[in-house]
Every structure is written in C-alpha cells, then in structure tokens.
Amino acid sequence: MSQSSTGLMTTGPIWKRMIAFAIPIFVGNLFQQLYNTVDSLIVGNFSGKEALAAVSSSGNLIFLMTGFFSGIAMGAGVVIARYYGAGDRERVDRAIHTNVAFGIAAGLILTVVGVFLTPHILRWIGTPDNVLPQSIEYFRTYFLGVLASILYNNGVGILQAMGDSRTPLYYLIVSSLTNVVLDLLFVAGLGWGVWSAAFATVLSQALSAVLCLWRLMKKCEIPLVWKKVRFDMPLFREILRMGIPSGMQNSIIAFANTIVQSNINMFGDSAMAGCGAHAKIEGFGFLPVTCFTMALTTFISQNLGARLYDRAKKSAVFGVVCCLALSESIGALIWIFSPKLIALFNGDPEVIAFGMGYGRTVALFYFLMAFSHCGAAILRGAGKSTIPMIITLACWCLIRITYITITVQFIPQIEVVYWAYPFTWTLSSLCFVIYLWKADWLHAYDRIEEGKQHA
C-alpha cells in the first residue's frame, strides 16, 4: 500500500509528529466552537437574557442526542487508523464506505427524533416556561439540518484517521466565518429571533459537509465512491465493537450533564445563562487538551497497528504530560478572567455572578479532567474502548447524579452542582491511573487478532 508520509504517525520524532497533527485539529475545533458560541454571543447581546438561556442550555441536550452516533464514528476512525498504519488498503476502503453509510442513516434518524421529541425532552429537563418556546424553536431548527453535521464529522474522522488534520481545518474556517456573517445578518440585522441563529448554524454546517465530502471524493488517497457506499457487515461489526462503548460513554456524559442542567434550571434563567456562558468559555479553553487527546488516539492506534509498542508507550507519556500542563495553564487563565469573559455574553450582574462562581470552582481542577480524557484516548487507541465507558458510567454518571440528587436536598445551593465536577474527575482519574498501570494495553490488538484466528 502506497501511503503518504504525512499521514503516517509511525515514523519521525514523536513530539513533532503529534504537535503537527494536533495543531490543525485545535484550530479546526476552535472554529467549530464558534458555531454555538457565536449564537450565544449575538443572541445574548441582541435578543436578551431569556434567548441566551435558550441557546446556552443547548449544548448538553444536542450532545445527548448526537453523542452516541459520534462515538460510533470515533470507533470507525480507530479502525481506519489501525488498518492504515498496518498498510491494509482494502480494509481501509471498506471501512470508509461503511462509515459514510452509517453517517447517512444516523443523520436521518436524528432528524426525525430531534424534530418530534424536542418539546418533551426540554420539559423533562425542567426548562422554565419563559424560556421553553425559544428553546423549542432553536432545537427543532438545528435538528432539521443535523444530517450535514453528522456527515461532516464522519468525513473529518476519516481524514484524521489517515493523518490529514489540515484539510478539515481549511473547510471549517470558511464555514465558521459564514456562520458569523449569517448570525449577524439574521439575528442582529433582520431581528428574526433565536431560531435564525440555529438556521445560520445549519447552513454553515451544510457548507462544511459539502466541502469535506468533495475532498474525500476527489483528493483523498483512498477516494469515496458513492456507488460503494454500503454497510460491510464484518467491518461494521468491528466498528461497532470499537464505537459502541465510545458512543455509550458520550451518551452517559451527556445524560449526566443534562441532569446537572436540570438542577441548574431550578435556580432560574440567570443561572442558566451564567452557567451556559461558562460552559462556552470552558469549551474554548479546554480545546487544546481535547485536540491532543484526539491526536493521541490516532497516534496510539496507528503505531499499535504497525506493532511499534515502545513508540506507542512513549507517545502516551508525552501526550499526558502535555495535556496536564496545558489544562492547568488554561484553568488559571479562566479563574483570573472569568468575570470579564462571562460579561461578553451578557452584562446582567446576576448572570455574571453565576458564571463566575461556576468557573472559579472548577477551573483549577482541569488537570483531573485532562488526565481522564488522556486515559480514555489511550485505551480507545489500543482498542479497549469498553474500559473508558465503564469508568465514565461509574464516575461521571452514577456517582455524579447520586451526589447531586442527594446533596442538593440537604444543601439547596448551586455550589453543590459546581463541586460535582471536581469530585467525579478525581475518582475517574484514580481509576485510569490504576488501570493503565496494571493492564497490558499495549498488546490488546494482538489478542484481538489471536481471537479471530481461533474463531
């Protein structure tokens, strides 16, 4: 198999390869964060506090409904990276077309579910009556175009699995700038309201999807051919085996955060707006760490596919060290500038107070969240995606929800909700330390292949 030297992570200095791969992912995700954040900034300044609350509470619920399918796509990326590193062109080709087929099916399912179930879900999480109508408008408009978002994310996953993190960046910059222009036109200029912010996002995501699919068809080393788009069941089962735990992990995290959001909703629209604004800031701030972990998964998967065990181990150590240093630097900056950052979204003193309280509680504990993400990334790259799912289910869902549900009954203060995050990050970090230290994750693929031979 003739492979592009820029796509392989199995040669060259580890630090240079990983940073070069991670930087375009970071810049791309930075622009992707602009989608919902620009919505919040423009809506908050031109449409008021209630509209900001409607948009700000969207992140967890959208991720709850899309996270499972995103996890399957993540599993596809691991499979593609593994076979790409091993030089198995035929399996890479089948995995690419299976992933696109899955993206189309997932997008259609989410469109139907999102449009029809949105009001029920928003009521279930306790969205206040004064916010509910605008929330319904925003979510329904978003999910009418969710197919484009799914196809774009699947396409990006394919390109990144083959070592191309630059091309998706260029397309995303174009679509993000388009989103900003359309937001200003629809919301600030024409005064169309909160639904038009979602409509701007849909149009921008459609543009990025078209560009990404064009790249896969015309410029990709192993091109996308629409006549070949179908489910290859052996590859699809392998993708599901890798992806279902990641998808369940995403859904578990989103479900837990939705429960947390329902507790925040109890404190009113100012709490929703302030905490939502902090969530957007945290999303931006934590991006370098998230991108390093994405690069780490691809790095581990390609090198283990090529049986380069020592290189995989060294890349894991380098990734963890970088993520810990980045996360604490980011946390310190958010702690210091939290009041001014929250005020960018809305100048209401009560909104700022809620957002600042949230930020200054969790920011200095980001190193714990970073380590948990690193542990999950390493194990996913090694093909052991079930372990992060179990740890996440236990710590970030069961324990977090139990802690909040019980404690808030005795101490009805929003600070109880804030502290749920550092507490459960600590527990998950301890679990990952123990597992990575004790388990032989480096040879997980070897045992998978041995199992296939004996089956």
Protein backbone atom coordinates (compact mmCIF):
# COMPACT_ATOMS: atom_id res chain seq x y z
CA MET A 1 0.00 0.00 0.00
CA SER A 2 1.44 3.36 -1.02
CA GLN A 3 0.90 5.77 1.81
CA SER A 4 1.50 9.47 2.19
CA SER A 5 4.40 10.13 4.55
CA THR A 6 2.45 12.98 6.09
CA GLY A 7 -0.38 10.62 7.01
CA LEU A 8 1.66 8.03 8.90
CA MET A 9 2.40 8.56 12.59
CA THR A 10 4.78 5.58 12.76
CA THR A 11 7.94 7.47 11.82
CA GLY A 12 9.70 10.67 12.84
CA PRO A 13 10.05 12.44 16.22
CA ILE A 14 7.04 11.75 18.43
CA TRP A 15 6.71 15.28 19.81
CA LYS A 16 6.99 16.88 16.37
CA ARG A 17 4.52 14.50 14.72
CA MET A 18 1.94 14.76 17.48
CA ILE A 19 2.08 18.54 17.77
CA ALA A 20 1.97 18.97 13.98
CA PHE A 21 -1.09 16.71 13.86
CA ALA A 22 -2.79 18.27 16.89
CA ILE A 23 -2.43 21.95 15.93
CA PRO A 24 -4.74 21.83 12.87
CA ILE A 25 -7.26 19.82 14.92
CA PHE A 26 -7.08 22.51 17.59
CA VAL A 27 -7.59 25.39 15.18
CA GLY A 28 -10.40 23.48 13.45
CA ASN A 29 -12.17 22.72 16.72
CA LEU A 30 -11.65 26.32 17.77
CA PHE A 31 -13.63 27.44 14.76
CA GLN A 32 -16.19 24.69 15.31
CA GLN A 33 -16.79 26.03 18.82
CA LEU A 34 -17.67 29.32 17.16
CA TYR A 35 -20.92 27.80 15.88
CA ASN A 36 -22.85 27.70 19.12
CA THR A 37 -20.74 30.31 20.92
CA VAL A 38 -21.36 32.97 18.29
CA ASP A 39 -25.04 32.10 18.55
CA SER A 40 -24.83 32.75 22.31
CA LEU A 41 -22.84 35.98 21.99
CA ILE A 42 -25.07 37.55 19.35
CA VAL A 43 -28.35 36.28 20.82
CA GLY A 44 -27.33 37.34 24.33
CA ASN A 45 -26.48 40.86 23.25
CA PHE A 46 -29.32 41.44 20.76
CA SER A 47 -32.20 39.24 21.97
CA GLY A 48 -31.87 39.29 25.77
CA LYS A 49 -31.32 37.01 28.76
CA GLU A 50 -34.15 34.57 28.04
CA ALA A 51 -32.95 33.97 24.48
CA LEU A 52 -29.40 33.46 25.79
CA ALA A 53 -30.70 30.89 28.28
CA ALA A 54 -32.44 29.04 25.42
CA VAL A 55 -29.25 28.83 23.36
CA SER A 56 -26.85 28.31 26.29
CA SER A 57 -28.69 25.24 27.53
CA SER A 58 -28.48 23.64 24.07
CA GLY A 59 -25.02 22.10 24.24
CA ASN A 60 -25.71 19.23 26.65
CA LEU A 61 -29.01 18.30 25.05
CA ILE A 62 -27.63 18.35 21.50
CA PHE A 63 -24.70 16.21 22.62
CA LEU A 64 -27.09 13.85 24.41
CA MET A 65 -28.88 13.19 21.11
CA THR A 66 -25.82 13.12 18.82
CA GLY A 67 -23.14 11.74 21.16
CA PHE A 68 -23.89 8.05 20.63
CA PHE A 69 -23.57 8.34 16.85
CA SER A 70 -20.42 10.45 17.22
CA GLY A 71 -18.93 7.66 19.33
CA ILE A 72 -19.61 5.12 16.57
CA ALA A 73 -17.85 7.42 14.12
CA MET A 74 -14.96 7.64 16.58
CA GLY A 75 -14.79 3.84 16.56
CA ALA A 76 -14.64 3.94 12.77
CA GLY A 77 -11.72 6.33 12.99
CA VAL A 78 -9.84 3.95 15.28
CA VAL A 79 -10.45 1.05 12.88
CA ILE A 80 -9.35 3.07 9.86
CA ALA A 81 -6.23 4.37 11.63
CA ARG A 82 -5.28 0.88 12.72
CA TYR A 83 -5.53 -0.63 9.23
CA TYR A 84 -3.94 2.43 7.66
CA GLY A 85 -0.95 2.04 10.00
CA ALA A 86 -0.78 -1.67 9.11
CA GLY A 87 -0.92 -0.90 5.36
CA ASP A 88 -4.17 -2.79 4.70
CA ARG A 89 -5.62 -0.66 1.90
CA GLU A 90 -8.57 -2.95 1.12
CA ARG A 91 -9.94 -2.85 4.68
CA VAL A 92 -9.42 0.91 4.89
CA ASP A 93 -11.51 1.31 1.73
CA ARG A 94 -14.37 -0.82 3.07
CA ALA A 95 -14.29 0.91 6.46
CA ILE A 96 -14.51 4.36 4.83
CA HIS A 97 -17.62 3.49 2.81
CA THR A 98 -19.25 1.73 5.75
CA ASN A 99 -18.67 4.82 7.90
CA VAL A 100 -20.32 7.10 5.33
CA ALA A 101 -23.30 4.74 5.05
CA PHE A 102 -23.64 4.81 8.82
CA GLY A 103 -23.47 8.63 8.84
CA ILE A 104 -26.37 8.91 6.39
CA ALA A 105 -28.52 6.51 8.41
CA ALA A 106 -27.67 8.21 11.71
CA GLY A 107 -28.40 11.67 10.32
CA LEU A 108 -31.84 10.67 9.09
CA ILE A 109 -32.73 9.03 12.42
CA LEU A 110 -31.60 12.07 14.40
CA THR A 111 -33.60 14.42 12.17
CA VAL A 112 -36.85 12.59 12.91
CA VAL A 113 -36.14 12.11 16.62
CA GLY A 114 -34.92 15.68 17.17
CA VAL A 115 -37.83 17.38 15.42
CA PHE A 116 -40.57 15.36 17.11
CA LEU A 117 -39.17 14.75 20.62
CA THR A 118 -37.56 18.12 21.38
CA PRO A 119 -40.52 19.63 23.33
CA HIS A 120 -40.85 16.54 25.52
CA ILE A 121 -37.13 16.43 26.31
CA LEU A 122 -36.99 20.14 27.12
CA ARG A 123 -39.90 19.80 29.52
CA TRP A 124 -38.31 16.70 31.06
CA ILE A 125 -35.15 18.62 32.00
CA GLY A 126 -37.23 21.38 33.59
CA THR A 127 -36.75 24.19 31.08
CA PRO A 128 -38.55 27.25 32.54
CA ASP A 129 -41.79 28.28 30.84
CA ASN A 130 -40.43 31.70 29.88
CA VAL A 131 -37.53 30.03 28.02
CA LEU A 132 -39.33 26.97 26.59
CA PRO A 133 -40.83 28.43 23.35
CA GLN A 134 -37.49 29.82 22.15
CA SER A 135 -35.66 26.62 23.16
CA ILE A 136 -38.07 24.56 21.06
CA GLU A 137 -37.56 26.86 18.07
CA TYR A 138 -33.78 26.62 18.37
CA PHE A 139 -33.60 22.83 18.76
CA ARG A 140 -36.07 21.99 16.01
CA THR A 141 -34.31 24.21 13.52
CA TYR A 142 -30.93 22.71 14.47
CA PHE A 143 -32.10 19.13 14.04
CA LEU A 144 -33.64 19.82 10.65
CA GLY A 145 -30.04 20.14 9.43
CA VAL A 146 -28.30 17.61 11.66
CA LEU A 147 -27.53 15.25 8.73
CA ALA A 148 -24.95 17.75 7.45
CA SER A 149 -23.28 17.89 10.85
CA ILE A 150 -23.08 14.09 11.11
CA LEU A 151 -21.64 13.67 7.61
CA TYR A 152 -19.08 16.39 8.22
CA ASN A 153 -17.92 14.82 11.50
CA ASN A 154 -17.69 11.37 9.89
CA GLY A 155 -15.70 12.80 6.99
CA VAL A 156 -13.32 14.60 9.31
CA GLY A 157 -12.83 11.39 11.29
CA ILE A 158 -11.83 9.54 8.10
CA LEU A 159 -9.32 12.20 7.07
CA GLN A 160 -7.80 12.46 10.54
CA ALA A 161 -7.52 8.67 10.87
CA MET A 162 -5.37 8.77 7.73
CA GLY A 163 -3.24 11.56 9.17
CA ASP A 164 -4.79 14.56 7.38
CA SER A 165 -5.74 17.13 10.01
CA ARG A 166 -5.11 20.21 7.87
CA THR A 167 -7.78 19.92 5.17
CA PRO A 168 -10.78 19.83 7.56
CA LEU A 169 -9.34 22.96 9.19
CA TYR A 170 -9.48 24.98 5.98
CA TYR A 171 -13.07 24.00 5.28
CA LEU A 172 -14.15 24.67 8.83
CA ILE A 173 -12.66 28.16 8.83
CA VAL A 174 -14.74 29.02 5.77
CA SER A 175 -17.96 27.63 7.24
CA SER A 176 -17.36 29.23 10.66
CA LEU A 177 -16.88 32.67 9.16
CA THR A 178 -20.05 32.04 7.15
CA ASN A 179 -21.85 31.27 10.41
CA VAL A 180 -20.72 34.56 11.97
CA VAL A 181 -21.89 36.58 8.97
CA LEU A 182 -25.27 34.81 8.85
CA ASP A 183 -25.78 35.20 12.61
CA LEU A 184 -25.18 38.93 12.37
CA LEU A 185 -27.48 39.19 9.36
CA PHE A 186 -30.36 37.06 10.71
CA VAL A 187 -30.33 37.98 14.42
CA ALA A 188 -28.76 41.43 14.67
CA GLY A 189 -29.74 42.78 11.25
CA LEU A 190 -33.14 41.26 10.43
CA GLY A 191 -34.19 40.53 14.03
CA TRP A 192 -35.54 37.08 13.17
CA GLY A 193 -35.01 35.69 16.67
CA VAL A 194 -33.38 32.66 18.25
CA TRP A 195 -34.47 30.15 15.57
CA SER A 196 -32.48 32.03 12.94
CA ALA A 197 -29.27 31.51 14.94
CA ALA A 198 -29.82 27.76 14.60
CA PHE A 199 -30.63 28.24 10.90
CA ALA A 200 -27.31 30.03 10.40
CA THR A 201 -25.56 27.09 12.06
CA VAL A 202 -27.37 24.59 9.82
CA LEU A 203 -26.39 26.43 6.63
CA SER A 204 -22.77 26.71 7.76
CA GLN A 205 -22.55 23.03 8.69
CA ALA A 206 -24.02 22.08 5.31
CA LEU A 207 -21.24 24.05 3.62
CA SER A 208 -18.53 22.28 5.64
CA ALA A 209 -20.10 18.87 4.90
CA VAL A 210 -20.13 19.52 1.15
CA LEU A 211 -16.50 20.64 1.17
CA CYS A 212 -15.37 17.64 3.22
CA LEU A 213 -17.22 15.11 1.07
CA TRP A 214 -15.78 16.71 -2.06
CA ARG A 215 -12.30 16.23 -0.60
CA LEU A 216 -12.97 12.57 0.13
CA MET A 217 -14.23 12.04 -3.42
CA LYS A 218 -11.62 13.97 -5.39
CA LYS A 219 -8.42 14.32 -3.36
CA CYS A 220 -8.33 11.51 -0.80
CA GLU A 221 -5.64 8.82 -1.05
CA ILE A 222 -8.43 6.20 -0.93
CA PRO A 223 -11.36 8.04 -2.56
CA LEU A 224 -15.01 7.95 -1.60
CA VAL A 225 -17.12 6.42 -4.40
CA TRP A 226 -20.87 6.80 -3.81
CA LYS A 227 -21.68 3.53 -5.62
CA LYS A 228 -19.59 1.73 -3.00
CA VAL A 229 -21.35 3.31 0.00
CA ARG A 230 -22.92 0.39 1.85
CA PHE A 231 -22.64 -1.50 5.12
CA ASP A 232 -19.84 -4.04 5.00
CA MET A 233 -21.07 -6.18 7.88
CA PRO A 234 -17.71 -7.67 9.09
CA LEU A 235 -16.17 -4.17 9.15
CA PHE A 236 -19.34 -2.65 10.58
CA ARG A 237 -19.29 -5.16 13.44
CA GLU A 238 -15.68 -4.22 14.14
CA ILE A 239 -16.59 -0.51 14.03
CA LEU A 240 -19.48 -1.15 16.41
CA ARG A 241 -17.24 -3.11 18.77
CA MET A 242 -14.86 -0.15 18.91
CA GLY A 243 -17.52 2.55 18.69
CA ILE A 244 -20.44 1.45 20.85
CA PRO A 245 -18.51 1.87 24.12
CA SER A 246 -17.40 5.35 23.00
CA GLY A 247 -20.94 6.18 21.91
CA MET A 248 -22.36 4.99 25.21
CA GLN A 249 -19.68 6.98 27.02
CA ASN A 250 -20.70 10.12 25.11
CA SER A 251 -24.36 9.50 25.85
CA ILE A 252 -23.64 8.79 29.52
CA ILE A 253 -21.69 12.02 29.91
CA ALA A 254 -24.39 13.98 28.09
CA PHE A 255 -27.14 12.35 30.14
CA ALA A 256 -25.34 13.17 33.38
CA ASN A 257 -24.75 16.74 32.23
CA THR A 258 -28.42 17.03 31.26
CA ILE A 259 -29.37 16.01 34.80
CA VAL A 260 -26.92 18.60 36.08
CA GLN A 261 -28.52 21.14 33.72
CA SER A 262 -31.96 20.32 35.13
CA ASN A 263 -30.61 21.16 38.60
CA ILE A 264 -29.16 24.42 37.30
CA ASN A 265 -32.55 25.22 35.72
CA MET A 266 -34.09 25.15 39.21
CA PHE A 267 -32.18 28.32 40.04
CA GLY A 268 -33.74 30.35 37.19
CA ASP A 269 -32.82 31.88 33.85
CA SER A 270 -29.88 33.89 35.27
CA ALA A 271 -28.26 30.66 36.47
CA MET A 272 -28.95 29.03 33.09
CA ALA A 273 -27.43 31.97 31.22
CA GLY A 274 -24.40 32.34 33.52
CA CYS A 275 -23.55 28.64 33.70
CA GLY A 276 -24.19 28.28 29.98
CA ALA A 277 -21.81 31.15 29.26
CA HIS A 278 -19.13 29.49 31.39
CA ALA A 279 -19.68 26.22 29.52
CA LYS A 280 -18.93 28.01 26.24
CA ILE A 281 -15.76 29.53 27.74
CA GLU A 282 -14.69 26.16 29.08
CA GLY A 283 -15.34 24.62 25.67
CA PHE A 284 -12.94 27.09 24.08
CA GLY A 285 -10.38 26.91 26.86
CA PHE A 286 -10.20 23.13 27.01
CA LEU A 287 -9.82 22.72 23.24
CA PRO A 288 -6.01 22.27 23.23
CA VAL A 289 -6.39 19.34 25.62
CA THR A 290 -9.24 17.80 23.65
CA CYS A 291 -7.23 18.05 20.44
CA PHE A 292 -4.16 16.48 21.99
CA THR A 293 -6.26 13.55 23.13
CA MET A 294 -7.75 13.16 19.63
CA ALA A 295 -4.24 13.14 18.20
CA LEU A 296 -3.18 10.69 20.89
CA THR A 297 -5.87 8.17 19.91
CA THR A 298 -4.80 8.23 16.24
CA PHE A 299 -1.12 8.05 17.22
CA ILE A 300 -1.63 5.06 19.51
CA SER A 301 -3.85 3.23 17.02
CA GLN A 302 -1.51 3.63 14.03
CA ASN A 303 1.58 2.61 16.00
CA LEU A 304 -0.01 -0.41 17.61
CA GLY A 305 -1.36 -1.41 14.19
CA ALA A 306 2.27 -1.31 12.99
CA ARG A 307 3.41 -3.23 16.15
CA LEU A 308 5.58 -0.32 17.34
CA TYR A 309 4.91 -0.86 21.05
CA ASP A 310 7.71 1.26 22.51
CA ARG A 311 6.79 4.20 20.29
CA ALA A 312 3.14 3.91 21.32
CA LYS A 313 4.11 3.92 25.01
CA LYS A 314 6.36 6.97 24.63
CA SER A 315 3.64 8.85 22.74
CA ALA A 316 1.19 8.10 25.58
CA VAL A 317 3.57 9.60 28.15
CA PHE A 318 4.23 12.67 26.02
CA GLY A 319 0.52 13.23 25.43
CA VAL A 320 -0.33 13.02 29.13
CA VAL A 321 2.42 15.44 30.18
CA CYS A 322 1.39 17.99 27.55
CA CYS A 323 -2.29 17.76 28.45
CA LEU A 324 -1.68 18.21 32.19
CA ALA A 325 0.48 21.30 31.62
CA LEU A 326 -1.99 22.81 29.14
CA SER A 327 -5.03 22.18 31.32
CA GLU A 328 -3.65 23.90 34.40
CA SER A 329 -2.44 26.90 32.39
CA ILE A 330 -5.90 27.23 30.85
CA GLY A 331 -7.60 26.80 34.23
CA ALA A 332 -5.53 29.56 35.78
CA LEU A 333 -6.41 31.98 32.98
CA ILE A 334 -10.13 31.20 33.23
CA TRP A 335 -10.04 31.64 37.02
CA ILE A 336 -8.45 35.09 36.66
CA PHE A 337 -10.52 36.44 33.77
CA SER A 338 -13.83 34.70 34.46
CA PRO A 339 -15.87 37.87 35.28
CA LYS A 340 -14.82 39.68 32.12
CA LEU A 341 -15.33 36.61 29.95
CA ILE A 342 -18.86 36.00 31.26
CA ALA A 343 -19.73 39.67 30.71
CA LEU A 344 -19.05 39.23 26.99
CA PHE A 345 -22.20 37.12 26.79
CA ASN A 346 -24.47 39.22 28.98
CA GLY A 347 -23.86 42.20 31.27
CA ASP A 348 -26.50 41.33 33.86
CA PRO A 349 -24.70 41.26 37.27
CA GLU A 350 -26.64 38.17 38.37
CA VAL A 351 -25.66 36.29 35.20
CA ILE A 352 -22.01 37.25 35.73
CA ALA A 353 -22.12 36.13 39.38
CA PHE A 354 -23.44 32.68 38.50
CA GLY A 355 -20.94 32.19 35.67
CA MET A 356 -18.00 33.41 37.75
CA GLY A 357 -18.95 31.15 40.66
CA TYR A 358 -19.05 28.13 38.37
CA GLY A 359 -15.75 28.97 36.67
CA ARG A 360 -13.79 29.69 39.82
CA THR A 361 -14.96 26.45 41.40
CA VAL A 362 -13.88 24.08 38.62
CA ALA A 363 -11.09 25.79 36.65
CA LEU A 364 -8.12 24.85 38.85
CA PHE A 365 -9.17 21.19 38.74
CA TYR A 366 -8.93 20.90 34.96
CA PHE A 367 -5.81 18.72 35.25
CA LEU A 368 -8.03 15.94 36.63
CA MET A 369 -10.43 16.17 33.69
CA ALA A 370 -7.45 16.28 31.31
CA PHE A 371 -5.93 13.11 32.72
CA SER A 372 -9.25 11.28 32.44
CA HIS A 373 -9.54 12.31 28.79
CA CYS A 374 -5.97 11.15 28.15
CA GLY A 375 -6.59 7.78 29.77
CA ALA A 376 -9.71 7.29 27.66
CA ALA A 377 -7.87 8.35 24.47
CA ILE A 378 -5.00 5.92 25.08
CA LEU A 379 -7.31 2.98 25.72
CA ARG A 380 -9.52 3.79 22.71
CA GLY A 381 -6.43 3.89 20.50
CA ALA A 382 -5.45 0.49 21.89
CA GLY A 383 -8.86 -0.95 21.04
CA LYS A 384 -10.04 -1.12 24.66
CA SER A 385 -12.89 1.36 24.45
CA THR A 386 -15.07 -0.56 26.91
CA ILE A 387 -12.90 0.42 29.88
CA PRO A 388 -13.36 4.22 29.49
CA MET A 389 -17.09 3.59 29.12
CA ILE A 390 -17.24 1.67 32.41
CA ILE A 391 -15.17 4.26 34.29
CA THR A 392 -17.25 7.10 32.86
CA LEU A 393 -20.52 5.35 33.65
CA ALA A 394 -19.48 4.82 37.25
CA CYS A 395 -17.86 8.20 37.99
CA TRP A 396 -19.35 10.80 35.65
CA CYS A 397 -22.88 9.45 35.61
CA LEU A 398 -23.91 7.27 38.55
CA ILE A 399 -21.80 8.92 41.25
CA ARG A 400 -22.22 12.46 39.90
CA ILE A 401 -26.00 12.21 39.65
CA THR A 402 -26.30 10.46 43.01
CA TYR A 403 -24.14 13.09 44.70
CA ILE A 404 -26.14 16.00 43.26
CA THR A 405 -29.56 14.42 43.80
CA ILE A 406 -28.91 13.64 47.47
CA THR A 407 -26.78 16.62 48.49
CA VAL A 408 -28.95 19.31 46.92
CA GLN A 409 -31.87 18.10 49.05
CA PHE A 410 -29.95 18.96 52.21
CA ILE A 411 -27.96 21.92 50.85
CA PRO A 412 -30.16 23.66 48.23
CA GLN A 413 -27.37 25.81 46.81
CA ILE A 414 -26.00 25.87 43.28
CA GLU A 415 -22.44 25.41 44.60
CA VAL A 416 -23.38 21.78 45.23
CA VAL A 417 -23.78 21.36 41.48
CA TYR A 418 -20.46 23.09 40.76
CA TRP A 419 -18.48 20.78 43.05
CA ALA A 420 -19.87 17.65 41.41
CA TYR A 421 -17.32 18.04 38.62
CA PRO A 422 -14.01 18.18 40.56
CA PHE A 423 -15.25 15.38 42.80
CA THR A 424 -16.04 12.97 39.96
CA TRP A 425 -12.96 13.98 37.91
CA THR A 426 -10.84 12.91 40.89
CA LEU A 427 -12.50 9.49 41.04
CA SER A 428 -12.18 8.83 37.30
CA SER A 429 -8.52 9.88 37.30
CA LEU A 430 -7.73 7.39 40.07
CA CYS A 431 -9.46 4.64 38.09
CA PHE A 432 -7.46 5.39 34.93
CA VAL A 433 -4.17 5.52 36.85
CA ILE A 434 -4.80 2.09 38.34
CA TYR A 435 -5.87 0.51 35.04
CA LEU A 436 -3.07 1.96 32.89
CA TRP A 437 -0.53 0.91 35.50
CA LYS A 438 -1.79 -2.66 35.88
CA ALA A 439 -3.19 -3.67 32.47
CA ASP A 440 -1.27 -4.72 29.35
CA TRP A 441 -3.00 -2.31 26.96
CA LEU A 442 -0.06 -2.28 24.52
CA HIS A 443 -0.83 -5.79 23.24
CA ALA A 444 -4.62 -5.55 23.09
CA TYR A 445 -4.74 -5.73 19.27
CA ASP A 446 -2.56 -8.84 19.27
CA ARG A 447 -5.08 -10.62 21.47
CA ILE A 448 -7.93 -9.46 19.20
CA GLU A 449 -6.19 -10.96 16.14
CA GLU A 450 -5.46 -14.19 18.02
CA GLY A 451 -9.15 -14.41 18.90
CA LYS A 452 -10.12 -14.02 15.25
CA GLN A 453 -7.75 -16.78 14.19
CA HIS A 454 -9.18 -19.19 16.76
CA ALA A 455 -12.80 -18.29 16.00
